[in-house]
Amino acid sequence: MREATLRDVATRAGVSIRTVSNVVNGYAPVSDTLRAKVETALSELDYRPNLIARNLKQGRSGMLCLVVPELDVPYFAELARAVIAAGRRHGYAVMVDQTDADPVRERELLTRNSRLTLFDGLILSPLTLSAQELRERGNKTPVVLLGEHIFDGSFSHVAIDNVAAARDATAHLISLGRTRIAAVGDQPYRTGETAQLRTAGYRQALERAGLPYDPALVRPTERFHRRLGATAATALMALDSPPDAIFCYNDLLALGAVRGLLTAGVRVPDDVAVIGIDGIEEGEFATPSLSTIVPDKQAIATLAVESLVALIEGGVAPAPAEVRAAHTLLPRESTIGR
């Protein structure tokens, strides 16, 4: 069956094509009487606007792009789902890309002229780009940043408070009577801002509780992957004075740490309690289930998309803003037992 056109709707409603266009696109005020006639005709004919043509007329694609380091990391997969839903609510489709933390790929996506891309704006979680590279990019594609990397007031930015999140995770372990608490995931180099902030929160919690900081208990990892968590836990248990709790900088490290501990015959949480950050679904169904700090991924996605749409559609871009999304502590079996 042929799809209804604006002319078909106008004929059914007994009004001009311009009036139908004004109702569909909201270009100009229309009287209540005429609007009711047009809306009835739209419903009866099941009229569907050609969004592609409308976007092209406005010089837009109707697409947003979400760029993350690794799609197979569950946190980013769950975040992508929330961003896609938020984009849909605003009338945008979302394409998703990953950089594998490759600086060339991050730079390419950031600097490519928007006329040569399929997207109107970019939500970017960078790992390698410098603030100067962001400022000096040669195009005007609207950008919103995620995560802790690179924020100096030049770009809108959405993140959780990583210092507070790490402090809360460590404080939870301390509240259980644990006194020798390890930290897994530190990244003491230029692109490791998120990890460095979590180390700062870990140290703050120890200091507030009057517990000493022991560098031997802080284990760096190049990435936040399961295998590296297992390796770190095994090394920690080989110390002369092993930990009685481990704070991991994400849930994948924590899941790996639990596996490493159980393989070595260490009971979780009886001998060593373990907590992570991310609130991924996998942690709920692990054995033992994983205690975690849960970032509000829905809020992160909604805030990022709303900020980006404002940049795209606002004409005059709003001042860059740093937005903090909430996080919550979710104790489970890996710290409090059954």
C-alpha atoms as a PDB file:
ATOM      1  CA  MET A   1       0.000   0.000   0.000  1.00  0.00           C
ATOM      2  CA  ARG A   2       1.267   3.491  -0.884  1.00  0.00           C
ATOM      3  CA  GLU A   3       2.252   5.598   2.126  1.00  0.00           C
ATOM      4  CA  ALA A   4       0.156   8.691   2.759  1.00  0.00           C
ATOM      5  CA  THR A   5       1.628  12.062   1.768  1.00  0.00           C
ATOM      6  CA  LEU A   6       1.081  15.565   3.117  1.00  0.00           C
ATOM      7  CA  ARG A   7      -1.213  16.173   0.111  1.00  0.00           C
ATOM      8  CA  ASP A   8      -3.336  13.141   1.042  1.00  0.00           C
ATOM      9  CA  VAL A   9      -3.673  14.415   4.609  1.00  0.00           C
ATOM     10  CA  ALA A  10      -4.548  17.910   3.400  1.00  0.00           C
ATOM     11  CA  THR A  11      -7.259  16.549   1.092  1.00  0.00           C
ATOM     12  CA  ARG A  12      -8.755  14.390   3.864  1.00  0.00           C
ATOM     13  CA  ALA A  13      -8.739  17.264   6.361  1.00  0.00           C
ATOM     14  CA  GLY A  14      -9.932  19.876   3.876  1.00  0.00           C
ATOM     15  CA  VAL A  15      -7.003  22.211   4.571  1.00  0.00           C
ATOM     16  CA  SER A  16      -3.911  23.408   2.744  1.00  0.00           C
ATOM     17  CA  ILE A  17      -0.668  21.414   2.547  1.00  0.00           C
ATOM     18  CA  ARG A  18       1.046  24.288   4.381  1.00  0.00           C
ATOM     19  CA  THR A  19      -1.356  23.891   7.304  1.00  0.00           C
ATOM     20  CA  VAL A  20      -0.622  20.166   7.503  1.00  0.00           C
ATOM     21  CA  SER A  21       3.109  20.891   7.390  1.00  0.00           C
ATOM     22  CA  ASN A  22       2.764  23.439  10.176  1.00  0.00           C
ATOM     23  CA  VAL A  23       0.977  20.896  12.375  1.00  0.00           C
ATOM     24  CA  VAL A  24       3.456  18.077  11.656  1.00  0.00           C
ATOM     25  CA  ASN A  25       6.589  20.186  12.044  1.00  0.00           C
ATOM     26  CA  GLY A  26       5.411  22.791  14.543  1.00  0.00           C
ATOM     27  CA  TYR A  27       6.581  25.624  12.312  1.00  0.00           C
ATOM     28  CA  ALA A  28       3.737  28.051  13.013  1.00  0.00           C
ATOM     29  CA  PRO A  29       0.654  28.426  15.258  1.00  0.00           C
ATOM     30  CA  VAL A  30      -2.441  26.617  14.042  1.00  0.00           C
ATOM     31  CA  SER A  31      -5.963  27.087  15.406  1.00  0.00           C
ATOM     32  CA  ASP A  32      -7.368  24.344  17.594  1.00  0.00           C
ATOM     33  CA  THR A  33     -10.094  23.604  15.046  1.00  0.00           C
ATOM     34  CA  LEU A  34      -7.692  23.131  12.144  1.00  0.00           C
ATOM     35  CA  ARG A  35      -5.235  21.202  14.296  1.00  0.00           C
ATOM     36  CA  ALA A  36      -7.969  18.759  15.310  1.00  0.00           C
ATOM     37  CA  LYS A  37      -8.932  18.192  11.640  1.00  0.00           C
ATOM     38  CA  VAL A  38      -5.317  17.588  10.647  1.00  0.00           C
ATOM     39  CA  GLU A  39      -4.580  15.252  13.565  1.00  0.00           C
ATOM     40  CA  THR A  40      -7.698  13.209  12.782  1.00  0.00           C
ATOM     41  CA  ALA A  41      -6.618  12.881   9.144  1.00  0.00           C
ATOM     42  CA  LEU A  42      -3.073  11.964  10.181  1.00  0.00           C
ATOM     43  CA  SER A  43      -4.443   9.180  12.359  1.00  0.00           C
ATOM     44  CA  GLU A  44      -6.930   7.878   9.803  1.00  0.00           C
ATOM     45  CA  LEU A  45      -4.294   7.741   7.046  1.00  0.00           C
ATOM     46  CA  ASP A  46      -1.550   6.466   9.386  1.00  0.00           C
ATOM     47  CA  TYR A  47       0.738   9.194   8.091  1.00  0.00           C
ATOM     48  CA  ARG A  48       4.435   8.747   8.908  1.00  0.00           C
ATOM     49  CA  PRO A  49       6.813  11.669   8.347  1.00  0.00           C
ATOM     50  CA  ASN A  50       9.927  11.091   6.261  1.00  0.00           C
ATOM     51  CA  LEU A  51      12.494  11.709   8.971  1.00  0.00           C
ATOM     52  CA  ILE A  52      15.436  11.213   6.616  1.00  0.00           C
ATOM     53  CA  ALA A  53      14.200  13.934   4.284  1.00  0.00           C
ATOM     54  CA  ARG A  54      13.452  16.225   7.217  1.00  0.00           C
ATOM     55  CA  ASN A  55      16.890  15.760   8.699  1.00  0.00           C
ATOM     56  CA  LEU A  56      18.608  16.337   5.357  1.00  0.00           C
ATOM     57  CA  LYS A  57      16.620  19.530   4.898  1.00  0.00           C
ATOM     58  CA  GLN A  58      17.892  20.692   8.286  1.00  0.00           C
ATOM     59  CA  GLY A  59      21.459  19.679   7.436  1.00  0.00           C
ATOM     60  CA  ARG A  60      21.436  16.803   9.929  1.00  0.00           C
ATOM     61  CA  SER A  61      21.593  13.037   9.812  1.00  0.00           C
ATOM     62  CA  GLY A  62      19.485  12.314  12.889  1.00  0.00           C
ATOM     63  CA  MET A  63      22.354  10.165  14.199  1.00  0.00           C
ATOM     64  CA  LEU A  64      24.512  10.396  17.310  1.00  0.00           C
ATOM     65  CA  CYS A  65      27.741   8.477  17.801  1.00  0.00           C
ATOM     66  CA  LEU A  66      28.852   6.873  21.064  1.00  0.00           C
ATOM     67  CA  VAL A  67      32.552   6.024  21.162  1.00  0.00           C
ATOM     68  CA  VAL A  68      33.922   3.808  23.950  1.00  0.00           C
ATOM     69  CA  PRO A  69      37.268   2.048  24.459  1.00  0.00           C
ATOM     70  CA  GLU A  70      35.985  -1.537  24.545  1.00  0.00           C
ATOM     71  CA  LEU A  71      32.508  -2.801  23.710  1.00  0.00           C
ATOM     72  CA  ASP A  72      33.153  -6.213  25.248  1.00  0.00           C
ATOM     73  CA  VAL A  73      33.538  -4.590  28.662  1.00  0.00           C
ATOM     74  CA  PRO A  74      30.044  -5.055  30.141  1.00  0.00           C
ATOM     75  CA  TYR A  75      29.932  -1.568  31.680  1.00  0.00           C
ATOM     76  CA  PHE A  76      30.268   0.033  28.253  1.00  0.00           C
ATOM     77  CA  ALA A  77      27.785  -2.394  26.696  1.00  0.00           C
ATOM     78  CA  GLU A  78      25.208  -1.565  29.366  1.00  0.00           C
ATOM     79  CA  LEU A  79      25.930   2.154  29.002  1.00  0.00           C
ATOM     80  CA  ALA A  80      25.530   1.903  25.218  1.00  0.00           C
ATOM     81  CA  ARG A  81      22.086   0.373  25.648  1.00  0.00           C
ATOM     82  CA  ALA A  82      21.059   3.279  27.897  1.00  0.00           C
ATOM     83  CA  VAL A  83      22.462   5.866  25.457  1.00  0.00           C
ATOM     84  CA  ILE A  84      20.576   4.271  22.557  1.00  0.00           C
ATOM     85  CA  ALA A  85      17.325   4.451  24.549  1.00  0.00           C
ATOM     86  CA  ALA A  86      17.986   8.073  25.542  1.00  0.00           C
ATOM     87  CA  GLY A  87      18.775   9.007  21.953  1.00  0.00           C
ATOM     88  CA  ARG A  88      15.559   7.398  20.753  1.00  0.00           C
ATOM     89  CA  ARG A  89      13.559   9.498  23.220  1.00  0.00           C
ATOM     90  CA  HIS A  90      15.006  12.600  21.571  1.00  0.00           C
ATOM     91  CA  GLY A  91      14.372  11.356  18.035  1.00  0.00           C
ATOM     92  CA  TYR A  92      17.966  10.282  17.317  1.00  0.00           C
ATOM     93  CA  ALA A  93      19.421   6.942  16.336  1.00  0.00           C
ATOM     94  CA  VAL A  94      22.778   6.048  17.900  1.00  0.00           C
ATOM     95  CA  MET A  95      25.708   4.367  16.209  1.00  0.00           C
ATOM     96  CA  VAL A  96      28.358   2.817  18.465  1.00  0.00           C
ATOM     97  CA  ASP A  97      32.084   2.573  17.798  1.00  0.00           C
ATOM     98  CA  GLN A  98      35.092   1.471  19.824  1.00  0.00           C
ATOM     99  CA  THR A  99      38.675   2.701  19.810  1.00  0.00           C
ATOM    100  CA  ASP A 100      40.549  -0.098  21.636  1.00  0.00           C
ATOM    101  CA  ALA A 101      42.308   2.824  23.367  1.00  0.00           C
ATOM    102  CA  ASP A 102      44.058   3.530  20.049  1.00  0.00           C
ATOM    103  CA  PRO A 103      45.091   7.213  19.952  1.00  0.00           C
ATOM    104  CA  VAL A 104      44.980   7.276  16.144  1.00  0.00           C
ATOM    105  CA  ARG A 105      41.387   6.034  16.129  1.00  0.00           C
ATOM    106  CA  GLU A 106      40.326   8.451  18.888  1.00  0.00           C
ATOM    107  CA  ARG A 107      41.921  11.351  17.008  1.00  0.00           C
ATOM    108  CA  GLU A 108      40.303  10.291  13.726  1.00  0.00           C
ATOM    109  CA  LEU A 109      36.811  10.173  15.191  1.00  0.00           C
ATOM    110  CA  LEU A 110      37.267  13.475  16.988  1.00  0.00           C
ATOM    111  CA  THR A 111      38.763  15.474  14.125  1.00  0.00           C
ATOM    112  CA  ARG A 112      36.845  14.150  11.139  1.00  0.00           C
ATOM    113  CA  ASN A 113      34.743  16.879   9.542  1.00  0.00           C
ATOM    114  CA  SER A 114      31.091  16.387  10.492  1.00  0.00           C
ATOM    115  CA  ARG A 115      30.053  16.736   6.849  1.00  0.00           C
ATOM    116  CA  LEU A 116      31.955  13.551   6.131  1.00  0.00           C
ATOM    117  CA  THR A 117      30.342  11.578   8.940  1.00  0.00           C
ATOM    118  CA  LEU A 118      26.951  10.023   9.543  1.00  0.00           C
ATOM    119  CA  PHE A 119      26.453  11.653  12.931  1.00  0.00           C
ATOM    120  CA  ASP A 120      25.440  15.064  14.241  1.00  0.00           C
ATOM    121  CA  GLY A 121      27.241  14.799  17.575  1.00  0.00           C
ATOM    122  CA  LEU A 122      29.706  12.663  19.479  1.00  0.00           C
ATOM    123  CA  ILE A 123      29.599  11.151  22.985  1.00  0.00           C
ATOM    124  CA  LEU A 124      33.208  10.208  23.612  1.00  0.00           C
ATOM    125  CA  SER A 125      34.933   8.244  26.361  1.00  0.00           C
ATOM    126  CA  PRO A 126      38.608   8.928  25.504  1.00  0.00           C
ATOM    127  CA  LEU A 127      41.641   7.258  27.025  1.00  0.00           C
ATOM    128  CA  THR A 128      44.589   8.730  25.126  1.00  0.00           C
ATOM    129  CA  LEU A 129      43.763  12.212  23.825  1.00  0.00           C
ATOM    130  CA  SER A 130      45.153  15.265  25.557  1.00  0.00           C
ATOM    131  CA  ALA A 131      43.130  18.329  26.492  1.00  0.00           C
ATOM    132  CA  GLN A 132      45.128  20.325  23.947  1.00  0.00           C
ATOM    133  CA  GLU A 133      44.224  17.899  21.140  1.00  0.00           C
ATOM    134  CA  LEU A 134      40.567  18.274  22.037  1.00  0.00           C
ATOM    135  CA  ARG A 135      40.752  22.067  22.046  1.00  0.00           C
ATOM    136  CA  GLU A 136      42.648  22.228  18.763  1.00  0.00           C
ATOM    137  CA  ARG A 137      40.437  19.899  16.733  1.00  0.00           C
ATOM    138  CA  GLY A 138      39.616  21.342  13.342  1.00  0.00           C
ATOM    139  CA  ASN A 139      35.869  20.725  13.185  1.00  0.00           C
ATOM    140  CA  LYS A 140      32.787  21.909  15.046  1.00  0.00           C
ATOM    141  CA  THR A 141      31.038  18.588  15.651  1.00  0.00           C
ATOM    142  CA  PRO A 142      29.360  18.857  19.083  1.00  0.00           C
ATOM    143  CA  VAL A 143      31.102  16.684  21.669  1.00  0.00           C
ATOM    144  CA  VAL A 144      30.217  15.505  25.175  1.00  0.00           C
ATOM    145  CA  LEU A 145      32.874  13.663  27.181  1.00  0.00           C
ATOM    146  CA  LEU A 146      32.379  10.688  29.499  1.00  0.00           C
ATOM    147  CA  GLY A 147      34.677   9.442  32.236  1.00  0.00           C
ATOM    148  CA  GLU A 148      37.412  11.264  34.075  1.00  0.00           C
ATOM    149  CA  HIS A 149      39.846  11.707  31.220  1.00  0.00           C
ATOM    150  CA  ILE A 150      40.381  15.273  30.029  1.00  0.00           C
ATOM    151  CA  PHE A 151      38.212  17.918  31.572  1.00  0.00           C
ATOM    152  CA  ASP A 152      39.424  21.478  31.926  1.00  0.00           C
ATOM    153  CA  GLY A 153      36.156  23.358  31.507  1.00  0.00           C
ATOM    154  CA  SER A 154      36.283  23.379  27.690  1.00  0.00           C
ATOM    155  CA  PHE A 155      33.768  20.583  27.102  1.00  0.00           C
ATOM    156  CA  SER A 156      30.559  19.309  28.636  1.00  0.00           C
ATOM    157  CA  HIS A 157      31.415  16.271  30.722  1.00  0.00           C
ATOM    158  CA  VAL A 158      29.382  13.572  32.502  1.00  0.00           C
ATOM    159  CA  ALA A 159      30.891  11.241  35.119  1.00  0.00           C
ATOM    160  CA  ILE A 160      30.517   9.839  38.599  1.00  0.00           C
ATOM    161  CA  ASP A 161      32.634  11.099  41.493  1.00  0.00           C
ATOM    162  CA  ASN A 162      35.338   8.449  41.304  1.00  0.00           C
ATOM    163  CA  VAL A 163      37.084   9.593  44.476  1.00  0.00           C
ATOM    164  CA  ALA A 164      33.852   9.296  46.461  1.00  0.00           C
ATOM    165  CA  ALA A 165      32.955   5.961  44.823  1.00  0.00           C
ATOM    166  CA  ALA A 166      36.318   4.429  45.759  1.00  0.00           C
ATOM    167  CA  ARG A 167      36.127   5.906  49.235  1.00  0.00           C
ATOM    168  CA  ASP A 168      32.684   4.362  49.737  1.00  0.00           C
ATOM    169  CA  ALA A 169      33.856   0.948  48.515  1.00  0.00           C
ATOM    170  CA  THR A 170      36.859   0.965  50.839  1.00  0.00           C
ATOM    171  CA  ALA A 171      34.835   2.307  53.762  1.00  0.00           C
ATOM    172  CA  HIS A 172      32.403  -0.604  53.314  1.00  0.00           C
ATOM    173  CA  LEU A 173      35.269  -3.065  53.737  1.00  0.00           C
ATOM    174  CA  ILE A 174      36.524  -1.182  56.785  1.00  0.00           C
ATOM    175  CA  SER A 175      33.032  -1.238  58.312  1.00  0.00           C
ATOM    176  CA  LEU A 176      33.201  -5.041  58.194  1.00  0.00           C
ATOM    177  CA  GLY A 177      36.301  -5.037  60.381  1.00  0.00           C
ATOM    178  CA  ARG A 178      38.816  -5.535  57.574  1.00  0.00           C
ATOM    179  CA  THR A 179      42.102  -3.790  58.299  1.00  0.00           C
ATOM    180  CA  ARG A 180      44.521  -4.927  55.598  1.00  0.00           C
ATOM    181  CA  ILE A 181      42.809  -3.803  52.416  1.00  0.00           C
ATOM    182  CA  ALA A 182      44.404  -4.167  48.985  1.00  0.00           C
ATOM    183  CA  ALA A 183      43.609  -2.104  45.894  1.00  0.00           C
ATOM    184  CA  VAL A 184      43.741  -3.566  42.382  1.00  0.00           C
ATOM    185  CA  GLY A 185      43.707  -1.420  39.236  1.00  0.00           C
ATOM    186  CA  ASP A 186      45.993   1.562  39.805  1.00  0.00           C
ATOM    187  CA  GLN A 187      47.339   3.153  36.600  1.00  0.00           C
ATOM    188  CA  PRO A 188      50.068   5.671  37.450  1.00  0.00           C
ATOM    189  CA  TYR A 189      50.498   7.172  33.984  1.00  0.00           C
ATOM    190  CA  ARG A 190      49.066  10.030  31.903  1.00  0.00           C
ATOM    191  CA  THR A 191      45.960   8.251  30.626  1.00  0.00           C
ATOM    192  CA  GLY A 192      45.068   6.603  33.943  1.00  0.00           C
ATOM    193  CA  GLU A 193      43.054   9.443  35.483  1.00  0.00           C
ATOM    194  CA  THR A 194      40.077   7.301  36.497  1.00  0.00           C
ATOM    195  CA  ALA A 195      42.318   4.782  38.273  1.00  0.00           C
ATOM    196  CA  GLN A 196      44.306   7.545  39.950  1.00  0.00           C
ATOM    197  CA  LEU A 197      41.133   9.105  41.330  1.00  0.00           C
ATOM    198  CA  ARG A 198      40.045   5.718  42.675  1.00  0.00           C
ATOM    199  CA  THR A 199      43.420   5.297  44.328  1.00  0.00           C
ATOM    200  CA  ALA A 200      42.937   8.717  45.936  1.00  0.00           C
ATOM    201  CA  GLY A 201      39.531   7.658  47.295  1.00  0.00           C
ATOM    202  CA  TYR A 202      40.982   4.403  48.614  1.00  0.00           C
ATOM    203  CA  ARG A 203      43.706   6.275  50.456  1.00  0.00           C
ATOM    204  CA  GLN A 204      41.222   8.791  51.874  1.00  0.00           C
ATOM    205  CA  ALA A 205      39.133   5.987  53.364  1.00  0.00           C
ATOM    206  CA  LEU A 206      42.194   4.401  54.976  1.00  0.00           C
ATOM    207  CA  GLU A 207      43.305   7.735  56.398  1.00  0.00           C
ATOM    208  CA  ARG A 208      39.865   8.510  57.820  1.00  0.00           C
ATOM    209  CA  ALA A 209      39.825   5.123  59.546  1.00  0.00           C
ATOM    210  CA  GLY A 210      43.352   5.521  60.885  1.00  0.00           C
ATOM    211  CA  LEU A 211      44.670   2.606  58.841  1.00  0.00           C
ATOM    212  CA  PRO A 212      48.174   2.701  57.348  1.00  0.00           C
ATOM    213  CA  TYR A 213      48.768   2.909  53.605  1.00  0.00           C
ATOM    214  CA  ASP A 214      50.917   0.018  52.395  1.00  0.00           C
ATOM    215  CA  PRO A 215      52.202   0.386  48.793  1.00  0.00           C
ATOM    216  CA  ALA A 216      52.699  -3.386  48.605  1.00  0.00           C
ATOM    217  CA  LEU A 217      48.914  -3.777  48.708  1.00  0.00           C
ATOM    218  CA  VAL A 218      48.312  -1.517  45.673  1.00  0.00           C
ATOM    219  CA  ARG A 219      48.549  -3.480  42.427  1.00  0.00           C
ATOM    220  CA  PRO A 220      48.550  -1.686  39.051  1.00  0.00           C
ATOM    221  CA  THR A 221      46.880  -3.201  35.999  1.00  0.00           C
ATOM    222  CA  GLU A 222      47.235  -2.061  32.395  1.00  0.00           C
ATOM    223  CA  ARG A 223      43.524  -2.665  31.727  1.00  0.00           C
ATOM    224  CA  PHE A 224      40.472  -3.432  33.844  1.00  0.00           C
ATOM    225  CA  HIS A 225      40.163  -7.071  32.705  1.00  0.00           C
ATOM    226  CA  ARG A 226      39.219 -10.278  34.542  1.00  0.00           C
ATOM    227  CA  ARG A 227      42.525 -12.091  33.959  1.00  0.00           C
ATOM    228  CA  LEU A 228      44.527  -9.193  35.386  1.00  0.00           C
ATOM    229  CA  GLY A 229      42.342  -9.212  38.487  1.00  0.00           C
ATOM    230  CA  ALA A 230      43.017 -12.910  39.004  1.00  0.00           C
ATOM    231  CA  THR A 231      46.757 -12.414  38.549  1.00  0.00           C
ATOM    232  CA  ALA A 232      46.813  -9.523  41.027  1.00  0.00           C
ATOM    233  CA  ALA A 233      44.875 -11.494  43.665  1.00  0.00           C
ATOM    234  CA  THR A 234      47.240 -14.443  43.350  1.00  0.00           C
ATOM    235  CA  ALA A 235      50.245 -12.156  43.834  1.00  0.00           C
ATOM    236  CA  LEU A 236      48.647 -10.456  46.837  1.00  0.00           C
ATOM    237  CA  MET A 237      48.018 -13.756  48.582  1.00  0.00           C
ATOM    238  CA  ALA A 238      51.694 -14.660  48.144  1.00  0.00           C
ATOM    239  CA  LEU A 239      52.749 -11.743  50.354  1.00  0.00           C
ATOM    240  CA  ASP A 240      54.118 -12.447  53.817  1.00  0.00           C
ATOM    241  CA  SER A 241      51.158 -10.433  55.166  1.00  0.00           C
ATOM    242  CA  PRO A 242      48.336 -10.963  52.662  1.00  0.00           C
ATOM    243  CA  PRO A 243      45.211  -8.772  52.640  1.00  0.00           C
ATOM    244  CA  ASP A 244      41.908  -9.590  54.288  1.00  0.00           C
ATOM    245  CA  ALA A 245      39.983  -7.536  51.712  1.00  0.00           C
ATOM    246  CA  ILE A 246      40.463  -6.355  48.122  1.00  0.00           C
ATOM    247  CA  PHE A 247      38.977  -3.257  46.522  1.00  0.00           C
ATOM    248  CA  CYS A 248      39.028  -3.640  42.724  1.00  0.00           C
ATOM    249  CA  TYR A 249      38.700  -0.639  40.436  1.00  0.00           C
ATOM    250  CA  ASN A 250      35.989  -2.263  38.354  1.00  0.00           C
ATOM    251  CA  ASP A 251      33.755  -5.315  38.498  1.00  0.00           C
ATOM    252  CA  LEU A 252      35.715  -7.307  35.903  1.00  0.00           C
ATOM    253  CA  LEU A 253      38.886  -7.030  37.985  1.00  0.00           C
ATOM    254  CA  ALA A 254      36.838  -8.039  41.039  1.00  0.00           C
ATOM    255  CA  LEU A 255      35.347 -11.071  39.299  1.00  0.00           C
ATOM    256  CA  GLY A 256      38.835 -12.121  38.236  1.00  0.00           C
ATOM    257  CA  ALA A 257      40.133 -11.582  41.759  1.00  0.00           C
ATOM    258  CA  VAL A 258      37.386 -13.778  43.216  1.00  0.00           C
ATOM    259  CA  ARG A 259      38.253 -16.540  40.751  1.00  0.00           C
ATOM    260  CA  GLY A 260      41.960 -16.266  41.605  1.00  0.00           C
ATOM    261  CA  LEU A 261      41.222 -16.432  45.323  1.00  0.00           C
ATOM    262  CA  LEU A 262      38.889 -19.409  45.053  1.00  0.00           C
ATOM    263  CA  THR A 263      41.365 -21.280  42.847  1.00  0.00           C
ATOM    264  CA  ALA A 264      44.016 -20.754  45.549  1.00  0.00           C
ATOM    265  CA  GLY A 265      41.675 -22.153  48.211  1.00  0.00           C
ATOM    266  CA  VAL A 266      40.919 -18.765  49.774  1.00  0.00           C
ATOM    267  CA  ARG A 267      37.345 -18.346  51.002  1.00  0.00           C
ATOM    268  CA  VAL A 268      35.370 -15.292  49.857  1.00  0.00           C
ATOM    269  CA  PRO A 269      34.357 -13.414  51.936  1.00  0.00           C
ATOM    270  CA  ASP A 270      35.409 -15.408  55.025  1.00  0.00           C
ATOM    271  CA  ASP A 271      39.143 -15.013  54.415  1.00  0.00           C
ATOM    272  CA  VAL A 272      39.143 -12.136  51.938  1.00  0.00           C
ATOM    273  CA  ALA A 273      36.245  -9.813  51.085  1.00  0.00           C
ATOM    274  CA  VAL A 274      36.072  -8.380  47.549  1.00  0.00           C
ATOM    275  CA  ILE A 275      34.260  -5.361  46.104  1.00  0.00           C
ATOM    276  CA  GLY A 276      34.275  -3.685  42.683  1.00  0.00           C
ATOM    277  CA  ILE A 277      32.811  -0.709  40.853  1.00  0.00           C
ATOM    278  CA  ASP A 278      30.399  -0.697  37.867  1.00  0.00           C
ATOM    279  CA  GLY A 279      27.247  -2.555  38.939  1.00  0.00           C
ATOM    280  CA  ILE A 280      27.286  -4.852  35.902  1.00  0.00           C
ATOM    281  CA  GLU A 281      24.638  -7.563  35.664  1.00  0.00           C
ATOM    282  CA  GLU A 282      27.296 -10.294  35.586  1.00  0.00           C
ATOM    283  CA  GLY A 283      28.141  -9.552  39.214  1.00  0.00           C
ATOM    284  CA  GLU A 284      24.612 -10.335  40.359  1.00  0.00           C
ATOM    285  CA  PHE A 285      24.821 -13.885  39.010  1.00  0.00           C
ATOM    286  CA  ALA A 286      28.418 -14.685  40.013  1.00  0.00           C
ATOM    287  CA  THR A 287      29.161 -17.123  42.838  1.00  0.00           C
ATOM    288  CA  PRO A 288      29.544 -15.507  45.280  1.00  0.00           C
ATOM    289  CA  SER A 289      27.529 -12.561  44.015  1.00  0.00           C
ATOM    290  CA  LEU A 290      29.684  -9.458  43.772  1.00  0.00           C
ATOM    291  CA  SER A 291      29.477  -6.445  46.047  1.00  0.00           C
ATOM    292  CA  THR A 292      29.843  -3.309  43.977  1.00  0.00           C
ATOM    293  CA  ILE A 293      29.469   0.428  43.649  1.00  0.00           C
ATOM    294  CA  VAL A 294      26.690   1.049  41.121  1.00  0.00           C
ATOM    295  CA  PRO A 295      26.967   4.164  38.947  1.00  0.00           C
ATOM    296  CA  ASP A 296      23.613   5.463  37.718  1.00  0.00           C
ATOM    297  CA  LYS A 297      24.169   4.473  34.098  1.00  0.00           C
ATOM    298  CA  GLN A 298      20.683   5.594  33.111  1.00  0.00           C
ATOM    299  CA  ALA A 299      21.402   9.064  34.452  1.00  0.00           C
ATOM    300  CA  ILE A 300      24.816   9.165  32.759  1.00  0.00           C
ATOM    301  CA  ALA A 301      23.241   8.267  29.423  1.00  0.00           C
ATOM    302  CA  THR A 302      20.328  10.673  29.797  1.00  0.00           C
ATOM    303  CA  LEU A 303      22.535  13.576  30.880  1.00  0.00           C
ATOM    304  CA  ALA A 304      25.045  12.956  28.090  1.00  0.00           C
ATOM    305  CA  VAL A 305      22.379  12.760  25.385  1.00  0.00           C
ATOM    306  CA  GLU A 306      20.498  15.789  26.701  1.00  0.00           C
ATOM    307  CA  SER A 307      23.710  17.812  26.767  1.00  0.00           C
ATOM    308  CA  LEU A 308      24.614  16.729  23.239  1.00  0.00           C
ATOM    309  CA  VAL A 309      21.158  17.415  21.810  1.00  0.00           C
ATOM    310  CA  ALA A 310      21.266  20.893  23.371  1.00  0.00           C
ATOM    311  CA  LEU A 311      24.561  21.517  21.580  1.00  0.00           C
ATOM    312  CA  ILE A 312      23.177  20.238  18.272  1.00  0.00           C
ATOM    313  CA  GLU A 313      19.783  21.943  18.341  1.00  0.00           C
ATOM    314  CA  GLY A 314      20.326  24.945  20.568  1.00  0.00           C
ATOM    315  CA  GLY A 315      21.791  27.284  17.971  1.00  0.00           C
ATOM    316  CA  VAL A 316      23.951  28.941  20.611  1.00  0.00           C
ATOM    317  CA  ALA A 317      25.862  26.285  22.509  1.00  0.00           C
ATOM    318  CA  PRO A 318      25.341  26.312  26.283  1.00  0.00           C
ATOM    319  CA  ALA A 319      28.366  26.867  28.473  1.00  0.00           C
ATOM    320  CA  PRO A 320      30.340  23.648  29.054  1.00  0.00           C
ATOM    321  CA  ALA A 321      29.266  21.962  32.259  1.00  0.00           C
ATOM    322  CA  GLU A 322      30.536  19.149  34.436  1.00  0.00           C
ATOM    323  CA  VAL A 323      27.677  16.914  35.543  1.00  0.00           C
ATOM    324  CA  ARG A 324      28.028  14.331  38.296  1.00  0.00           C
ATOM    325  CA  ALA A 325      25.831  11.239  38.210  1.00  0.00           C
ATOM    326  CA  ALA A 326      24.986   9.457  41.447  1.00  0.00           C
ATOM    327  CA  HIS A 327      26.364   6.128  42.632  1.00  0.00           C
ATOM    328  CA  THR A 328      25.180   3.670  45.296  1.00  0.00           C
ATOM    329  CA  LEU A 329      26.770   0.911  47.382  1.00  0.00           C
ATOM    330  CA  LEU A 330      25.333  -2.555  46.744  1.00  0.00           C
ATOM    331  CA  PRO A 331      26.655  -5.113  49.271  1.00  0.00           C
ATOM    332  CA  ARG A 332      26.402  -8.756  48.193  1.00  0.00           C
ATOM    333  CA  GLU A 333      27.906 -12.117  49.095  1.00  0.00           C
ATOM    334  CA  SER A 334      31.511 -11.265  48.237  1.00  0.00           C
ATOM    335  CA  THR A 335      31.703  -8.982  51.283  1.00  0.00           C
ATOM    336  CA  ILE A 336      28.821  -9.807  53.616  1.00  0.00           C
ATOM    337  CA  GLY A 337      28.263 -13.506  52.884  1.00  0.00           C
ATOM    338  CA  ARG A 338      24.938 -15.250  52.584  1.00  0.00           C
END
